[in-house]
Amino acid sequence: MDALISWAISALGGAVGGNLAGLVEKFKSVSPLVKTVGGALGGLLGGQGLAALGLLKDLGGNAGNAGASAAVGALVTAVMGMLKKPGA
């Protein structure tokens, strides 16, 4: 059950981070669905990857997981926004 909660926190944190990154003027052309899904996937991969490496223990468990996931989700959304062709 703890693993499921950890995955949910990672996905939600990533989705929030992705949508926050989408507020930046440069990335407003990315659709809300893409920001949410991209952020959630980035959060899952980033949050769970950092947890597997043992890097989240010093950040406070679930709080660190949410923060790290939000950061990675924002990063994934920013990269997607930069890769998107203008006007597409």
PDB file of N, CA and C in Angstrom:
ATOM      1  N   MET A   1       0.817  -1.196   0.000  1.00  0.00           N
ATOM      2  CA  MET A   1       0.000   0.000   0.000  1.00  0.00           C
ATOM      3  C   MET A   1       0.859   1.258   0.000  1.00  0.00           C
ATOM      4  N   ASP A   2       2.000   1.209   0.706  1.00  0.00           N
ATOM      5  CA  ASP A   2       2.891   2.369   0.740  1.00  0.00           C
ATOM      6  C   ASP A   2       3.442   2.683  -0.638  1.00  0.00           C
ATOM      7  N   ALA A   3       3.707   1.647  -1.427  1.00  0.00           N
ATOM      8  CA  ALA A   3       4.234   1.863  -2.774  1.00  0.00           C
ATOM      9  C   ALA A   3       3.196   2.561  -3.641  1.00  0.00           C
ATOM     10  N   LEU A   4       1.923   2.177  -3.499  1.00  0.00           N
ATOM     11  CA  LEU A   4       0.857   2.792  -4.283  1.00  0.00           C
ATOM     12  C   LEU A   4       0.720   4.273  -3.921  1.00  0.00           C
ATOM     13  N   ILE A   5       0.822   4.577  -2.664  1.00  0.00           N
ATOM     14  CA  ILE A   5       0.746   5.974  -2.224  1.00  0.00           C
ATOM     15  C   ILE A   5       1.929   6.764  -2.773  1.00  0.00           C
ATOM     16  N   SER A   6       3.094   6.162  -2.749  1.00  0.00           N
ATOM     17  CA  SER A   6       4.286   6.820  -3.276  1.00  0.00           C
ATOM     18  C   SER A   6       4.142   7.101  -4.769  1.00  0.00           C
ATOM     19  N   TRP A   7       3.617   6.137  -5.518  1.00  0.00           N
ATOM     20  CA  TRP A   7       3.412   6.338  -6.964  1.00  0.00           C
ATOM     21  C   TRP A   7       2.384   7.445  -7.209  1.00  0.00           C
ATOM     22  N   ALA A   8       1.315   7.457  -6.414  1.00  0.00           N
ATOM     23  CA  ALA A   8       0.280   8.489  -6.582  1.00  0.00           C
ATOM     24  C   ALA A   8       0.845   9.874  -6.272  1.00  0.00           C
ATOM     25  N   ILE A   9       1.647   9.974  -5.230  1.00  0.00           N
ATOM     26  CA  ILE A   9       2.260  11.257  -4.879  1.00  0.00           C
ATOM     27  C   ILE A   9       3.181  11.717  -6.006  1.00  0.00           C
ATOM     28  N   SER A  10       3.943  10.793  -6.577  1.00  0.00           N
ATOM     29  CA  SER A  10       4.843  11.137  -7.685  1.00  0.00           C
ATOM     30  C   SER A  10       4.059  11.649  -8.889  1.00  0.00           C
ATOM     31  N   ALA A  11       2.988  10.938  -9.237  1.00  0.00           N
ATOM     32  CA  ALA A  11       2.194  11.334 -10.404  1.00  0.00           C
ATOM     33  C   ALA A  11       1.518  12.684 -10.180  1.00  0.00           C
ATOM     34  N   LEU A  12       0.920  12.878  -9.012  1.00  0.00           N
ATOM     35  CA  LEU A  12       0.248  14.149  -8.726  1.00  0.00           C
ATOM     36  C   LEU A  12       1.241  15.303  -8.640  1.00  0.00           C
ATOM     37  N   GLY A  13       2.359  15.065  -7.984  1.00  0.00           N
ATOM     38  CA  GLY A  13       3.389  16.106  -7.902  1.00  0.00           C
ATOM     39  C   GLY A  13       3.904  16.496  -9.275  1.00  0.00           C
ATOM     40  N   GLY A  14       4.128  15.497 -10.122  1.00  0.00           N
ATOM     41  CA  GLY A  14       4.585  15.763 -11.486  1.00  0.00           C
ATOM     42  C   GLY A  14       3.555  16.522 -12.304  1.00  0.00           C
ATOM     43  N   ALA A  15       2.279  16.145 -12.155  1.00  0.00           N
ATOM     44  CA  ALA A  15       1.219  16.834 -12.884  1.00  0.00           C
ATOM     45  C   ALA A  15       1.123  18.297 -12.464  1.00  0.00           C
ATOM     46  N   VAL A  16       1.248  18.546 -11.181  1.00  0.00           N
ATOM     47  CA  VAL A  16       1.222  19.931 -10.682  1.00  0.00           C
ATOM     48  C   VAL A  16       2.423  20.705 -11.233  1.00  0.00           C
ATOM     49  N   GLY A  17       3.594  20.092 -11.170  1.00  0.00           N
ATOM     50  CA  GLY A  17       4.790  20.752 -11.698  1.00  0.00           C
ATOM     51  C   GLY A  17       4.687  21.025 -13.182  1.00  0.00           C
ATOM     52  N   GLY A  18       4.130  20.074 -13.921  1.00  0.00           N
ATOM     53  CA  GLY A  18       3.957  20.265 -15.359  1.00  0.00           C
ATOM     54  C   GLY A  18       3.026  21.417 -15.680  1.00  0.00           C
ATOM     55  N   ASN A  19       1.940  21.522 -14.927  1.00  0.00           N
ATOM     56  CA  ASN A  19       1.004  22.618 -15.165  1.00  0.00           C
ATOM     57  C   ASN A  19       1.569  23.957 -14.715  1.00  0.00           C
ATOM     58  N   LEU A  20       2.355  23.957 -13.656  1.00  0.00           N
ATOM     59  CA  LEU A  20       3.000  25.206 -13.247  1.00  0.00           C
ATOM     60  C   LEU A  20       4.014  25.672 -14.287  1.00  0.00           C
ATOM     61  N   ALA A  21       4.757  24.729 -14.845  1.00  0.00           N
ATOM     62  CA  ALA A  21       5.703  25.093 -15.903  1.00  0.00           C
ATOM     63  C   ALA A  21       4.954  25.605 -17.127  1.00  0.00           C
ATOM     64  N   GLY A  22       3.769  25.071 -17.344  1.00  0.00           N
ATOM     65  CA  GLY A  22       2.965  25.510 -18.479  1.00  0.00           C
ATOM     66  C   GLY A  22       2.462  26.930 -18.361  1.00  0.00           C
ATOM     67  N   LEU A  23       2.538  27.515 -17.178  1.00  0.00           N
ATOM     68  CA  LEU A  23       2.109  28.897 -16.994  1.00  0.00           C
ATOM     69  C   LEU A  23       3.107  29.896 -17.576  1.00  0.00           C
ATOM     70  N   VAL A  24       4.317  29.422 -17.804  1.00  0.00           N
ATOM     71  CA  VAL A  24       5.342  30.285 -18.386  1.00  0.00           C
ATOM     72  C   VAL A  24       4.916  30.631 -19.810  1.00  0.00           C
ATOM     73  N   GLU A  25       5.030  31.859 -20.186  1.00  0.00           N
ATOM     74  CA  GLU A  25       4.569  32.355 -21.488  1.00  0.00           C
ATOM     75  C   GLU A  25       5.067  31.495 -22.651  1.00  0.00           C
ATOM     76  N   LYS A  26       6.300  31.079 -22.583  1.00  0.00           N
ATOM     77  CA  LYS A  26       6.916  30.330 -23.667  1.00  0.00           C
ATOM     78  C   LYS A  26       6.229  28.986 -23.912  1.00  0.00           C
ATOM     79  N   PHE A  27       5.615  28.404 -22.873  1.00  0.00           N
ATOM     80  CA  PHE A  27       5.058  27.068 -22.985  1.00  0.00           C
ATOM     81  C   PHE A  27       3.531  27.058 -23.003  1.00  0.00           C
ATOM     82  N   LYS A  28       2.899  28.209 -23.163  1.00  0.00           N
ATOM     83  CA  LYS A  28       1.441  28.257 -23.153  1.00  0.00           C
ATOM     84  C   LYS A  28       0.825  27.564 -24.363  1.00  0.00           C
ATOM     85  N   SER A  29       1.608  27.331 -25.409  1.00  0.00           N
ATOM     86  CA  SER A  29       1.067  26.678 -26.596  1.00  0.00           C
ATOM     87  C   SER A  29       0.891  25.172 -26.395  1.00  0.00           C
ATOM     88  N   VAL A  30       1.456  24.623 -25.333  1.00  0.00           N
ATOM     89  CA  VAL A  30       1.293  23.203 -25.041  1.00  0.00           C
ATOM     90  C   VAL A  30      -0.070  23.017 -24.381  1.00  0.00           C
ATOM     91  N   SER A  31      -0.850  22.035 -24.867  1.00  0.00           N
ATOM     92  CA  SER A  31      -2.216  21.849 -24.357  1.00  0.00           C
ATOM     93  C   SER A  31      -2.199  21.408 -22.885  1.00  0.00           C
ATOM     94  N   PRO A  32      -3.275  21.708 -22.165  1.00  0.00           N
ATOM     95  CA  PRO A  32      -3.341  21.316 -20.749  1.00  0.00           C
ATOM     96  C   PRO A  32      -3.205  19.806 -20.545  1.00  0.00           C
ATOM     97  N   LEU A  33      -3.766  19.021 -21.455  1.00  0.00           N
ATOM     98  CA  LEU A  33      -3.657  17.574 -21.330  1.00  0.00           C
ATOM     99  C   LEU A  33      -2.205  17.117 -21.465  1.00  0.00           C
ATOM    100  N   VAL A  34      -1.496  17.703 -22.408  1.00  0.00           N
ATOM    101  CA  VAL A  34      -0.090  17.349 -22.613  1.00  0.00           C
ATOM    102  C   VAL A  34       0.734  17.761 -21.402  1.00  0.00           C
ATOM    103  N   LYS A  35       0.451  18.946 -20.845  1.00  0.00           N
ATOM    104  CA  LYS A  35       1.172  19.398 -19.651  1.00  0.00           C
ATOM    105  C   LYS A  35       0.931  18.462 -18.473  1.00  0.00           C
ATOM    106  N   THR A  36      -0.312  18.038 -18.298  1.00  0.00           N
ATOM    107  CA  THR A  36      -0.659  17.177 -17.174  1.00  0.00           C
ATOM    108  C   THR A  36      -0.062  15.782 -17.333  1.00  0.00           C
ATOM    109  N   VAL A  37      -0.244  15.188 -18.511  1.00  0.00           N
ATOM    110  CA  VAL A  37       0.261  13.829 -18.736  1.00  0.00           C
ATOM    111  C   VAL A  37       1.792  13.815 -18.750  1.00  0.00           C
ATOM    112  N   GLY A  38       2.389  14.767 -19.432  1.00  0.00           N
ATOM    113  CA  GLY A  38       3.848  14.841 -19.467  1.00  0.00           C
ATOM    114  C   GLY A  38       4.436  15.067 -18.091  1.00  0.00           C
ATOM    115  N   GLY A  39       3.813  15.955 -17.332  1.00  0.00           N
ATOM    116  CA  GLY A  39       4.276  16.208 -15.970  1.00  0.00           C
ATOM    117  C   GLY A  39       4.114  14.990 -15.080  1.00  0.00           C
ATOM    118  N   ALA A  40       2.975  14.299 -15.200  1.00  0.00           N
ATOM    119  CA  ALA A  40       2.742  13.106 -14.385  1.00  0.00           C
ATOM    120  C   ALA A  40       3.750  12.008 -14.716  1.00  0.00           C
ATOM    121  N   LEU A  41       4.009  11.798 -16.001  1.00  0.00           N
ATOM    122  CA  LEU A  41       5.001  10.788 -16.394  1.00  0.00           C
ATOM    123  C   LEU A  41       6.397  11.173 -15.914  1.00  0.00           C
ATOM    124  N   GLY A  42       6.734  12.440 -16.058  1.00  0.00           N
ATOM    125  CA  GLY A  42       8.024  12.908 -15.556  1.00  0.00           C
ATOM    126  C   GLY A  42       8.123  12.760 -14.052  1.00  0.00           C
ATOM    127  N   GLY A  43       7.037  13.063 -13.361  1.00  0.00           N
ATOM    128  CA  GLY A  43       7.020  12.918 -11.911  1.00  0.00           C
ATOM    129  C   GLY A  43       7.171  11.470 -11.477  1.00  0.00           C
ATOM    130  N   LEU A  44       6.484  10.571 -12.177  1.00  0.00           N
ATOM    131  CA  LEU A  44       6.613   9.149 -11.850  1.00  0.00           C
ATOM    132  C   LEU A  44       8.043   8.670 -12.052  1.00  0.00           C
ATOM    133  N   LEU A  45       8.586   8.978 -13.214  1.00  0.00           N
ATOM    134  CA  LEU A  45       9.941   8.522 -13.509  1.00  0.00           C
ATOM    135  C   LEU A  45      10.967   9.181 -12.595  1.00  0.00           C
ATOM    136  N   GLY A  46      10.845  10.478 -12.431  1.00  0.00           N
ATOM    137  CA  GLY A  46      11.800  11.203 -11.606  1.00  0.00           C
ATOM    138  C   GLY A  46      11.686  10.870 -10.132  1.00  0.00           C
ATOM    139  N   GLY A  47      10.465  10.915  -9.611  1.00  0.00           N
ATOM    140  CA  GLY A  47      10.255  10.653  -8.189  1.00  0.00           C
ATOM    141  C   GLY A  47      10.630   9.230  -7.811  1.00  0.00           C
ATOM    142  N   GLN A  48      10.191   8.274  -8.606  1.00  0.00           N
ATOM    143  CA  GLN A  48      10.499   6.880  -8.297  1.00  0.00           C
ATOM    144  C   GLN A  48      11.972   6.567  -8.558  1.00  0.00           C
ATOM    145  N   GLY A  49      12.549   7.202  -9.561  1.00  0.00           N
ATOM    146  CA  GLY A  49      13.974   7.008  -9.837  1.00  0.00           C
ATOM    147  C   GLY A  49      14.843   7.531  -8.703  1.00  0.00           C
ATOM    148  N   LEU A  50      14.514   8.717  -8.224  1.00  0.00           N
ATOM    149  CA  LEU A  50      15.270   9.286  -7.098  1.00  0.00           C
ATOM    150  C   LEU A  50      15.064   8.474  -5.827  1.00  0.00           C
ATOM    151  N   ALA A  51      13.850   7.961  -5.642  1.00  0.00           N
ATOM    152  CA  ALA A  51      13.594   7.129  -4.465  1.00  0.00           C
ATOM    153  C   ALA A  51      14.394   5.828  -4.544  1.00  0.00           C
ATOM    154  N   ALA A  52      14.475   5.256  -5.740  1.00  0.00           N
ATOM    155  CA  ALA A  52      15.227   4.015  -5.916  1.00  0.00           C
ATOM    156  C   ALA A  52      16.716   4.232  -5.634  1.00  0.00           C
ATOM    157  N   LEU A  53      17.195   5.418  -5.951  1.00  0.00           N
ATOM    158  CA  LEU A  53      18.596   5.731  -5.676  1.00  0.00           C
ATOM    159  C   LEU A  53      18.835   6.114  -4.216  1.00  0.00           C
ATOM    160  N   GLY A  54      17.759   6.243  -3.451  1.00  0.00           N
ATOM    161  CA  GLY A  54      17.880   6.593  -2.040  1.00  0.00           C
ATOM    162  C   GLY A  54      18.099   8.072  -1.789  1.00  0.00           C
ATOM    163  N   LEU A  55      17.820   8.908  -2.781  1.00  0.00           N
ATOM    164  CA  LEU A  55      18.077  10.336  -2.641  1.00  0.00           C
ATOM    165  C   LEU A  55      16.947  11.106  -1.971  1.00  0.00           C
ATOM    166  N   LEU A  56      15.784  10.472  -1.793  1.00  0.00           N
ATOM    167  CA  LEU A  56      14.653  11.189  -1.204  1.00  0.00           C
ATOM    168  C   LEU A  56      14.574  11.037   0.314  1.00  0.00           C
ATOM    169  N   LYS A  57      15.344  10.139   0.881  1.00  0.00           N
ATOM    170  CA  LYS A  57      15.272   9.915   2.328  1.00  0.00           C
ATOM    171  C   LYS A  57      15.670  11.156   3.106  1.00  0.00           C
ATOM    172  N   ASP A  58      16.625  11.909   2.576  1.00  0.00           N
ATOM    173  CA  ASP A  58      17.080  13.121   3.262  1.00  0.00           C
ATOM    174  C   ASP A  58      16.120  14.288   3.071  1.00  0.00           C
ATOM    175  N   LEU A  59      15.198  14.166   2.116  1.00  0.00           N
ATOM    176  CA  LEU A  59      14.273  15.263   1.824  1.00  0.00           C
ATOM    177  C   LEU A  59      12.950  15.153   2.570  1.00  0.00           C
ATOM    178  N   GLY A  60      12.762  14.125   3.356  1.00  0.00           N
ATOM    179  CA  GLY A  60      11.547  14.039   4.165  1.00  0.00           C
ATOM    180  C   GLY A  60      10.498  13.098   3.639  1.00  0.00           C
ATOM    181  N   GLY A  61      10.874  12.033   2.996  1.00  0.00           N
ATOM    182  CA  GLY A  61       9.918  11.005   2.577  1.00  0.00           C
ATOM    183  C   GLY A  61       8.937  11.493   1.527  1.00  0.00           C
ATOM    184  N   ASN A  62       7.646  11.472   1.862  1.00  0.00           N
ATOM    185  CA  ASN A  62       6.604  11.824   0.896  1.00  0.00           C
ATOM    186  C   ASN A  62       6.668  13.288   0.466  1.00  0.00           C
ATOM    187  N   ALA A  63       7.028  14.160   1.369  1.00  0.00           N
ATOM    188  CA  ALA A  63       7.152  15.574   1.007  1.00  0.00           C
ATOM    189  C   ALA A  63       8.282  15.769  -0.003  1.00  0.00           C
ATOM    190  N   GLY A  64       9.379  15.105   0.219  1.00  0.00           N
ATOM    191  CA  GLY A  64      10.491  15.167  -0.724  1.00  0.00           C
ATOM    192  C   GLY A  64      10.127  14.551  -2.059  1.00  0.00           C
ATOM    193  N   ASN A  65       9.363  13.467  -2.006  1.00  0.00           N
ATOM    194  CA  ASN A  65       8.903  12.813  -3.227  1.00  0.00           C
ATOM    195  C   ASN A  65       8.029  13.761  -4.039  1.00  0.00           C
ATOM    196  N   ALA A  66       7.098  14.432  -3.382  1.00  0.00           N
ATOM    197  CA  ALA A  66       6.201  15.360  -4.086  1.00  0.00           C
ATOM    198  C   ALA A  66       6.985  16.512  -4.702  1.00  0.00           C
ATOM    199  N   GLY A  67       7.911  17.068  -3.948  1.00  0.00           N
ATOM    200  CA  GLY A  67       8.710  18.189  -4.454  1.00  0.00           C
ATOM    201  C   GLY A  67       9.603  17.790  -5.615  1.00  0.00           C
ATOM    202  N   ALA A  68      10.284  16.656  -5.468  1.00  0.00           N
ATOM    203  CA  ALA A  68      11.155  16.186  -6.542  1.00  0.00           C
ATOM    204  C   ALA A  68      10.349  15.831  -7.779  1.00  0.00           C
ATOM    205  N   SER A  69       9.197  15.214  -7.587  1.00  0.00           N
ATOM    206  CA  SER A  69       8.338  14.854  -8.712  1.00  0.00           C
ATOM    207  C   SER A  69       7.820  16.093  -9.429  1.00  0.00           C
ATOM    208  N   ALA A  70       7.463  17.116  -8.667  1.00  0.00           N
ATOM    209  CA  ALA A  70       7.006  18.365  -9.279  1.00  0.00           C
ATOM    210  C   ALA A  70       8.116  19.007 -10.091  1.00  0.00           C
ATOM    211  N   ALA A  71       9.321  18.969  -9.564  1.00  0.00           N
ATOM    212  CA  ALA A  71      10.452  19.556 -10.292  1.00  0.00           C
ATOM    213  C   ALA A  71      10.730  18.810 -11.587  1.00  0.00           C
ATOM    214  N   VAL A  72      10.733  17.492 -11.528  1.00  0.00           N
ATOM    215  CA  VAL A  72      10.996  16.714 -12.740  1.00  0.00           C
ATOM    216  C   VAL A  72       9.833  16.847 -13.722  1.00  0.00           C
ATOM    217  N   GLY A  73       8.597  16.880 -13.209  1.00  0.00           N
ATOM    218  CA  GLY A  73       7.437  17.080 -14.082  1.00  0.00           C
ATOM    219  C   GLY A  73       7.490  18.426 -14.787  1.00  0.00           C
ATOM    220  N   ALA A  74       7.924  19.456 -14.080  1.00  0.00           N
ATOM    221  CA  ALA A  74       8.071  20.779 -14.693  1.00  0.00           C
ATOM    222  C   ALA A  74       9.167  20.758 -15.752  1.00  0.00           C
ATOM    223  N   LEU A  75      10.243  20.060 -15.465  1.00  0.00           N
ATOM    224  CA  LEU A  75      11.345  19.961 -16.417  1.00  0.00           C
ATOM    225  C   LEU A  75      10.902  19.245 -17.688  1.00  0.00           C
ATOM    226  N   VAL A  76      10.178  18.150 -17.551  1.00  0.00           N
ATOM    227  CA  VAL A  76       9.691  17.416 -18.725  1.00  0.00           C
ATOM    228  C   VAL A  76       8.762  18.297 -19.556  1.00  0.00           C
ATOM    229  N   THR A  77       7.871  19.026 -18.909  1.00  0.00           N
ATOM    230  CA  THR A  77       6.956  19.913 -19.627  1.00  0.00           C
ATOM    231  C   THR A  77       7.720  21.028 -20.333  1.00  0.00           C
ATOM    232  N   ALA A  78       8.730  21.574 -19.683  1.00  0.00           N
ATOM    233  CA  ALA A  78       9.535  22.629 -20.306  1.00  0.00           C
ATOM    234  C   ALA A  78      10.257  22.101 -21.542  1.00  0.00           C
ATOM    235  N   VAL A  79      10.792  20.906 -21.445  1.00  0.00           N
ATOM    236  CA  VAL A  79      11.476  20.314 -22.603  1.00  0.00           C
ATOM    237  C   VAL A  79      10.482  20.072 -23.737  1.00  0.00           C
ATOM    238  N   MET A  80       9.293  19.577 -23.404  1.00  0.00           N
ATOM    239  CA  MET A  80       8.277  19.363 -24.440  1.00  0.00           C
ATOM    240  C   MET A  80       7.877  20.686 -25.086  1.00  0.00           C
ATOM    241  N   GLY A  81       7.771  21.741 -24.282  1.00  0.00           N
ATOM    242  CA  GLY A  81       7.423  23.049 -24.818  1.00  0.00           C
ATOM    243  C   GLY A  81       8.488  23.600 -25.740  1.00  0.00           C
ATOM    244  N   MET A  82       9.756  23.337 -25.425  1.00  0.00           N
ATOM    245  CA  MET A  82      10.846  23.817 -26.279  1.00  0.00           C
ATOM    246  C   MET A  82      10.936  23.015 -27.578  1.00  0.00           C
ATOM    247  N   LEU A  83      10.556  21.750 -27.525  1.00  0.00           N
ATOM    248  CA  LEU A  83      10.649  20.898 -28.717  1.00  0.00           C
ATOM    249  C   LEU A  83       9.479  21.108 -29.673  1.00  0.00           C
ATOM    250  N   LYS A  84       8.376  21.669 -29.146  1.00  0.00           N
ATOM    251  CA  LYS A  84       7.194  21.870 -29.976  1.00  0.00           C
ATOM    252  C   LYS A  84       7.487  22.940 -31.026  1.00  0.00           C
ATOM    253  N   LYS A  85       7.088  22.640 -32.259  1.00  0.00           N
ATOM    254  CA  LYS A  85       7.308  23.587 -33.340  1.00  0.00           C
ATOM    255  C   LYS A  85       6.374  24.788 -33.160  1.00  0.00           C
ATOM    256  N   PRO A  86       6.873  25.992 -33.412  1.00  0.00           N
ATOM    257  CA  PRO A  86       6.032  27.177 -33.309  1.00  0.00           C
ATOM    258  C   PRO A  86       4.869  27.093 -34.290  1.00  0.00           C
ATOM    259  N   GLY A  87       3.685  27.408 -33.807  1.00  0.00           N
ATOM    260  CA  GLY A  87       2.516  27.413 -34.658  1.00  0.00           C
ATOM    261  C   GLY A  87       1.910  26.037 -34.854  1.00  0.00           C
ATOM    262  N   ALA A  88       2.504  25.009 -34.292  1.00  0.00           N
ATOM    263  CA  ALA A  88       1.971  23.648 -34.471  1.00  0.00           C
ATOM    264  C   ALA A  88       1.018  23.288 -33.363  1.00  0.00           C
TER     265      ALA A  88
END
